[in-house]
Amino acid sequence: MDTGYVGILTLRLEMPWVSNLKEKRALVRPVVERLKVRFPVTVARLDGLNAHDWELIGVTTISNDHEWIEQTLKMASDYVASGGEYRVTGEEQVISSLSDLLGYDDVEDDLDDEAE
């Protein structure tokens, strides 16, 4: 039995016309902050922090409803793609059950074996 799910979305943002880190941060930081306010997600800047023309951001959420996670990550992705002076050039989404991630099924199997 699945007790819940974790959804992870990564987005690669590119802005080749940007010439320095300060300018890039001025474009990326507001997007990250607005995502946190608008959706029930956690957002982090993951990679490209020292590159002036691209950045990878990660978005994650957790719930007991798989469909809700899919919808939430889709809305977050659409929101990022619809605004900002950047292009979304890469996107990956993964939804995993907590049972798989934490090995709950193995614990339940062990308990069942002990009960017999």
N, C-alpha and C. Protein backbone atom coordinates (compact mmCIF):
# COMPACT_ATOMS: atom_id res chain seq x y z
N MET A 1 0.84 -1.19 0.00
CA MET A 1 0.00 0.00 0.00
C MET A 1 0.88 1.25 0.00
N ASP A 2 0.60 2.18 -0.90
CA ASP A 2 1.36 3.42 -0.97
C ASP A 2 0.82 4.41 0.05
N THR A 3 1.73 4.94 0.85
CA THR A 3 1.34 5.90 1.87
C THR A 3 1.39 7.33 1.37
N GLY A 4 2.01 7.55 0.24
CA GLY A 4 2.12 8.89 -0.32
C GLY A 4 3.10 8.92 -1.47
N TYR A 5 3.25 10.11 -2.02
CA TYR A 5 4.09 10.28 -3.19
C TYR A 5 4.92 11.55 -3.07
N VAL A 6 6.06 11.54 -3.74
CA VAL A 6 6.91 12.72 -3.85
C VAL A 6 7.05 13.03 -5.33
N GLY A 7 6.80 14.28 -5.68
CA GLY A 7 6.94 14.71 -7.06
C GLY A 7 8.10 15.67 -7.19
N ILE A 8 8.90 15.47 -8.23
CA ILE A 8 10.07 16.32 -8.48
C ILE A 8 10.02 16.79 -9.92
N LEU A 9 10.18 18.09 -10.10
CA LEU A 9 10.22 18.71 -11.40
C LEU A 9 11.51 19.50 -11.52
N THR A 10 12.26 19.30 -12.59
CA THR A 10 13.43 20.14 -12.84
C THR A 10 13.21 20.89 -14.14
N LEU A 11 13.61 22.15 -14.15
CA LEU A 11 13.46 23.01 -15.31
C LEU A 11 14.79 23.69 -15.60
N ARG A 12 15.23 23.60 -16.83
CA ARG A 12 16.44 24.31 -17.25
C ARG A 12 16.00 25.60 -17.92
N LEU A 13 16.43 26.71 -17.36
CA LEU A 13 16.12 28.02 -17.89
C LEU A 13 17.36 28.57 -18.59
N GLU A 14 17.18 29.06 -19.80
CA GLU A 14 18.31 29.62 -20.54
C GLU A 14 18.00 31.05 -20.93
N MET A 15 19.02 31.88 -20.81
CA MET A 15 18.93 33.29 -21.18
C MET A 15 20.28 33.73 -21.76
N PRO A 16 20.56 33.31 -23.02
CA PRO A 16 21.88 33.55 -23.60
C PRO A 16 22.22 35.03 -23.79
N TRP A 17 21.25 35.89 -23.77
CA TRP A 17 21.47 37.32 -23.94
C TRP A 17 21.94 38.01 -22.65
N VAL A 18 21.88 37.29 -21.52
CA VAL A 18 22.31 37.86 -20.24
C VAL A 18 23.83 37.82 -20.17
N SER A 19 24.42 38.89 -19.68
CA SER A 19 25.88 38.97 -19.71
C SER A 19 26.56 38.85 -18.35
N ASN A 20 25.78 38.83 -17.25
CA ASN A 20 26.43 38.70 -15.94
C ASN A 20 25.51 38.01 -14.94
N LEU A 21 26.09 37.55 -13.84
CA LEU A 21 25.34 36.80 -12.83
C LEU A 21 24.27 37.65 -12.15
N LYS A 22 24.58 38.89 -11.90
CA LYS A 22 23.63 39.77 -11.22
C LYS A 22 22.34 39.91 -12.06
N GLU A 23 22.50 40.07 -13.34
CA GLU A 23 21.35 40.20 -14.23
C GLU A 23 20.55 38.89 -14.26
N LYS A 24 21.26 37.75 -14.30
CA LYS A 24 20.57 36.46 -14.32
C LYS A 24 19.80 36.24 -13.03
N ARG A 25 20.42 36.53 -11.89
CA ARG A 25 19.72 36.37 -10.61
C ARG A 25 18.47 37.24 -10.54
N ALA A 26 18.54 38.42 -11.14
CA ALA A 26 17.38 39.31 -11.16
C ALA A 26 16.22 38.73 -11.96
N LEU A 27 16.51 37.82 -12.89
CA LEU A 27 15.46 37.15 -13.65
C LEU A 27 14.97 35.88 -12.96
N VAL A 28 15.89 35.13 -12.37
CA VAL A 28 15.55 33.81 -11.82
C VAL A 28 14.96 33.90 -10.40
N ARG A 29 15.53 34.71 -9.55
CA ARG A 29 15.08 34.78 -8.16
C ARG A 29 13.59 35.09 -8.03
N PRO A 30 13.04 36.06 -8.77
CA PRO A 30 11.60 36.32 -8.64
C PRO A 30 10.72 35.12 -9.03
N VAL A 31 11.16 34.36 -10.03
CA VAL A 31 10.40 33.17 -10.44
C VAL A 31 10.37 32.16 -9.30
N VAL A 32 11.52 31.92 -8.70
CA VAL A 32 11.61 30.97 -7.59
C VAL A 32 10.71 31.42 -6.44
N GLU A 33 10.75 32.68 -6.09
CA GLU A 33 9.95 33.18 -4.98
C GLU A 33 8.45 33.14 -5.29
N ARG A 34 8.07 33.49 -6.53
CA ARG A 34 6.64 33.45 -6.89
C ARG A 34 6.10 32.02 -6.90
N LEU A 35 6.91 31.06 -7.33
CA LEU A 35 6.47 29.66 -7.28
C LEU A 35 6.16 29.24 -5.85
N LYS A 36 7.01 29.63 -4.92
CA LYS A 36 6.82 29.26 -3.51
C LYS A 36 5.53 29.84 -2.94
N VAL A 37 5.18 31.04 -3.39
CA VAL A 37 3.98 31.71 -2.88
C VAL A 37 2.72 31.18 -3.55
N ARG A 38 2.81 30.92 -4.83
CA ARG A 38 1.63 30.57 -5.63
C ARG A 38 1.21 29.10 -5.51
N PHE A 39 2.18 28.21 -5.28
CA PHE A 39 1.90 26.77 -5.26
C PHE A 39 2.45 26.14 -3.98
N PRO A 40 1.85 25.02 -3.54
CA PRO A 40 2.35 24.32 -2.35
C PRO A 40 3.57 23.46 -2.69
N VAL A 41 4.69 24.13 -2.99
CA VAL A 41 5.90 23.44 -3.42
C VAL A 41 7.11 24.03 -2.71
N THR A 42 8.19 23.29 -2.77
CA THR A 42 9.50 23.79 -2.36
C THR A 42 10.32 23.95 -3.63
N VAL A 43 11.06 25.04 -3.71
CA VAL A 43 11.81 25.35 -4.93
C VAL A 43 13.26 25.64 -4.56
N ALA A 44 14.18 25.16 -5.38
CA ALA A 44 15.60 25.42 -5.14
C ALA A 44 16.31 25.65 -6.46
N ARG A 45 17.31 26.50 -6.41
CA ARG A 45 18.21 26.70 -7.54
C ARG A 45 19.28 25.61 -7.42
N LEU A 46 19.35 24.72 -8.41
CA LEU A 46 20.17 23.52 -8.28
C LEU A 46 21.52 23.57 -8.97
N ASP A 47 21.57 24.15 -10.16
CA ASP A 47 22.79 24.10 -10.94
C ASP A 47 22.87 25.34 -11.83
N GLY A 48 24.05 25.62 -12.31
CA GLY A 48 24.26 26.78 -13.15
C GLY A 48 24.35 28.08 -12.37
N LEU A 49 24.59 27.97 -11.07
CA LEU A 49 24.62 29.15 -10.22
C LEU A 49 25.73 30.12 -10.60
N ASN A 50 26.82 29.61 -11.14
CA ASN A 50 27.94 30.46 -11.54
C ASN A 50 28.01 30.70 -13.04
N ALA A 51 26.99 30.23 -13.76
CA ALA A 51 26.91 30.48 -15.20
C ALA A 51 25.97 31.67 -15.41
N HIS A 52 26.29 32.54 -16.32
CA HIS A 52 25.46 33.73 -16.51
C HIS A 52 24.31 33.51 -17.49
N ASP A 53 24.31 32.39 -18.21
CA ASP A 53 23.31 32.23 -19.26
C ASP A 53 22.32 31.08 -19.07
N TRP A 54 22.42 30.33 -17.99
CA TRP A 54 21.46 29.25 -17.75
C TRP A 54 21.40 28.93 -16.26
N GLU A 55 20.33 28.24 -15.87
CA GLU A 55 20.18 27.78 -14.49
C GLU A 55 19.19 26.63 -14.46
N LEU A 56 19.40 25.70 -13.54
CA LEU A 56 18.50 24.58 -13.33
C LEU A 56 17.79 24.80 -12.00
N ILE A 57 16.46 24.79 -12.05
CA ILE A 57 15.70 24.92 -10.80
C ILE A 57 14.94 23.62 -10.56
N GLY A 58 14.76 23.30 -9.28
CA GLY A 58 14.04 22.10 -8.89
C GLY A 58 12.81 22.48 -8.10
N VAL A 59 11.72 21.77 -8.35
CA VAL A 59 10.44 22.00 -7.69
C VAL A 59 9.99 20.66 -7.13
N THR A 60 9.57 20.63 -5.88
CA THR A 60 9.12 19.36 -5.31
C THR A 60 7.90 19.56 -4.43
N THR A 61 7.11 18.51 -4.33
CA THR A 61 5.95 18.52 -3.45
C THR A 61 5.66 17.08 -3.00
N ILE A 62 4.88 16.96 -1.96
CA ILE A 62 4.57 15.64 -1.39
C ILE A 62 3.08 15.59 -1.05
N SER A 63 2.47 14.44 -1.28
CA SER A 63 1.04 14.28 -1.01
C SER A 63 0.69 12.80 -1.02
N ASN A 64 -0.52 12.50 -0.56
CA ASN A 64 -1.01 11.12 -0.65
C ASN A 64 -1.82 10.92 -1.94
N ASP A 65 -1.91 11.96 -2.78
CA ASP A 65 -2.71 11.91 -4.01
C ASP A 65 -1.81 12.10 -5.24
N HIS A 66 -1.60 11.03 -5.97
CA HIS A 66 -0.71 11.03 -7.14
C HIS A 66 -1.19 12.04 -8.19
N GLU A 67 -2.48 12.05 -8.47
CA GLU A 67 -3.04 12.96 -9.48
C GLU A 67 -2.84 14.42 -9.08
N TRP A 68 -3.01 14.73 -7.80
CA TRP A 68 -2.81 16.10 -7.32
C TRP A 68 -1.37 16.54 -7.55
N ILE A 69 -0.41 15.65 -7.31
CA ILE A 69 1.00 15.99 -7.54
C ILE A 69 1.22 16.27 -9.03
N GLU A 70 0.69 15.41 -9.90
CA GLU A 70 0.83 15.63 -11.34
C GLU A 70 0.29 17.00 -11.73
N GLN A 71 -0.89 17.34 -11.26
CA GLN A 71 -1.52 18.61 -11.60
C GLN A 71 -0.72 19.79 -11.05
N THR A 72 -0.25 19.68 -9.83
CA THR A 72 0.50 20.77 -9.20
C THR A 72 1.80 21.03 -9.95
N LEU A 73 2.54 19.97 -10.29
CA LEU A 73 3.79 20.14 -11.01
C LEU A 73 3.54 20.67 -12.43
N LYS A 74 2.46 20.25 -13.06
CA LYS A 74 2.11 20.75 -14.39
C LYS A 74 1.80 22.25 -14.32
N MET A 75 1.03 22.65 -13.32
CA MET A 75 0.71 24.08 -13.17
C MET A 75 1.96 24.90 -12.90
N ALA A 76 2.86 24.36 -12.08
CA ALA A 76 4.12 25.06 -11.79
C ALA A 76 4.95 25.19 -13.05
N SER A 77 5.03 24.13 -13.84
CA SER A 77 5.79 24.15 -15.09
C SER A 77 5.20 25.16 -16.07
N ASP A 78 3.88 25.14 -16.21
CA ASP A 78 3.21 26.08 -17.11
C ASP A 78 3.43 27.52 -16.66
N TYR A 79 3.39 27.73 -15.36
CA TYR A 79 3.59 29.07 -14.80
C TYR A 79 4.99 29.59 -15.14
N VAL A 80 6.00 28.76 -14.95
CA VAL A 80 7.37 29.17 -15.26
C VAL A 80 7.51 29.44 -16.76
N ALA A 81 6.95 28.57 -17.58
CA ALA A 81 7.08 28.71 -19.03
C ALA A 81 6.37 29.94 -19.57
N SER A 82 5.32 30.38 -18.87
CA SER A 82 4.51 31.49 -19.38
C SER A 82 5.08 32.87 -19.10
N GLY A 83 6.06 32.96 -18.23
CA GLY A 83 6.54 34.28 -17.89
C GLY A 83 8.04 34.34 -17.78
N GLY A 84 8.53 35.52 -17.74
CA GLY A 84 9.96 35.69 -17.53
C GLY A 84 10.73 35.90 -18.81
N GLU A 85 11.87 36.50 -18.66
CA GLU A 85 12.76 36.76 -19.80
C GLU A 85 13.79 35.65 -19.91
N TYR A 86 13.31 34.45 -20.19
CA TYR A 86 14.15 33.28 -20.32
C TYR A 86 13.39 32.26 -21.15
N ARG A 87 14.08 31.21 -21.56
CA ARG A 87 13.45 30.10 -22.27
C ARG A 87 13.59 28.86 -21.41
N VAL A 88 12.54 28.07 -21.32
CA VAL A 88 12.62 26.76 -20.68
C VAL A 88 13.06 25.78 -21.76
N THR A 89 14.29 25.28 -21.63
CA THR A 89 14.84 24.41 -22.67
C THR A 89 14.92 22.94 -22.24
N GLY A 90 14.61 22.67 -20.99
CA GLY A 90 14.61 21.30 -20.52
C GLY A 90 13.66 21.14 -19.35
N GLU A 91 13.00 20.00 -19.32
CA GLU A 91 12.05 19.73 -18.24
C GLU A 91 12.01 18.23 -17.99
N GLU A 92 12.10 17.85 -16.72
CA GLU A 92 11.94 16.46 -16.32
C GLU A 92 11.03 16.40 -15.11
N GLN A 93 10.20 15.36 -15.06
CA GLN A 93 9.29 15.19 -13.93
C GLN A 93 9.31 13.73 -13.50
N VAL A 94 9.40 13.52 -12.20
CA VAL A 94 9.39 12.18 -11.62
C VAL A 94 8.45 12.19 -10.43
N ILE A 95 7.61 11.18 -10.34
CA ILE A 95 6.75 11.00 -9.17
C ILE A 95 7.02 9.60 -8.64
N SER A 96 7.43 9.52 -7.39
CA SER A 96 7.76 8.23 -6.78
C SER A 96 6.92 8.03 -5.52
N SER A 97 6.61 6.78 -5.24
CA SER A 97 5.88 6.50 -4.01
C SER A 97 6.85 6.49 -2.83
N LEU A 98 6.35 6.92 -1.69
CA LEU A 98 7.17 6.91 -0.48
C LEU A 98 7.57 5.49 -0.11
N SER A 99 6.68 4.55 -0.38
CA SER A 99 7.00 3.15 -0.08
C SER A 99 8.24 2.70 -0.81
N ASP A 100 8.33 3.06 -2.09
CA ASP A 100 9.50 2.69 -2.88
C ASP A 100 10.75 3.42 -2.38
N LEU A 101 10.61 4.70 -2.10
CA LEU A 101 11.76 5.49 -1.69
C LEU A 101 12.31 5.09 -0.32
N LEU A 102 11.39 4.76 0.59
CA LEU A 102 11.80 4.48 1.97
C LEU A 102 11.84 3.00 2.30
N GLY A 103 11.44 2.16 1.35
CA GLY A 103 11.50 0.72 1.57
C GLY A 103 10.43 0.19 2.51
N TYR A 104 9.27 0.85 2.55
CA TYR A 104 8.20 0.39 3.44
C TYR A 104 7.72 -1.01 3.09
N ASP A 105 7.68 -1.35 1.80
CA ASP A 105 7.22 -2.67 1.40
C ASP A 105 8.11 -3.75 1.99
N ASP A 106 9.42 -3.50 2.04
CA ASP A 106 10.36 -4.47 2.61
C ASP A 106 10.08 -4.68 4.08
N VAL A 107 9.77 -3.60 4.81
CA VAL A 107 9.47 -3.70 6.23
C VAL A 107 8.19 -4.49 6.44
N GLU A 108 7.15 -4.21 5.62
CA GLU A 108 5.89 -4.94 5.75
C GLU A 108 6.08 -6.42 5.44
N ASP A 109 6.89 -6.74 4.43
CA ASP A 109 7.17 -8.14 4.10
C ASP A 109 7.87 -8.84 5.26
N ASP A 110 8.83 -8.17 5.89
CA ASP A 110 9.53 -8.73 7.03
C ASP A 110 8.57 -8.99 8.18
N LEU A 111 7.65 -8.06 8.44
CA LEU A 111 6.69 -8.22 9.52
C LEU A 111 5.76 -9.37 9.24
N ASP A 112 5.32 -9.50 7.95
CA ASP A 112 4.45 -10.60 7.58
C ASP A 112 5.18 -11.94 7.78
N ASP A 113 6.45 -12.02 7.43
CA ASP A 113 7.22 -13.24 7.58
C ASP A 113 7.34 -13.62 9.08
N GLU A 114 7.54 -12.61 9.93
CA GLU A 114 7.67 -12.87 11.37
C GLU A 114 6.36 -13.35 11.97
N ALA A 115 5.23 -12.86 11.46
CA ALA A 115 3.91 -13.24 11.99
C ALA A 115 3.57 -14.69 11.65
N GLU A 116 4.14 -15.20 10.58
CA GLU A 116 3.83 -16.58 10.20
C GLU A 116 4.61 -17.51 11.02
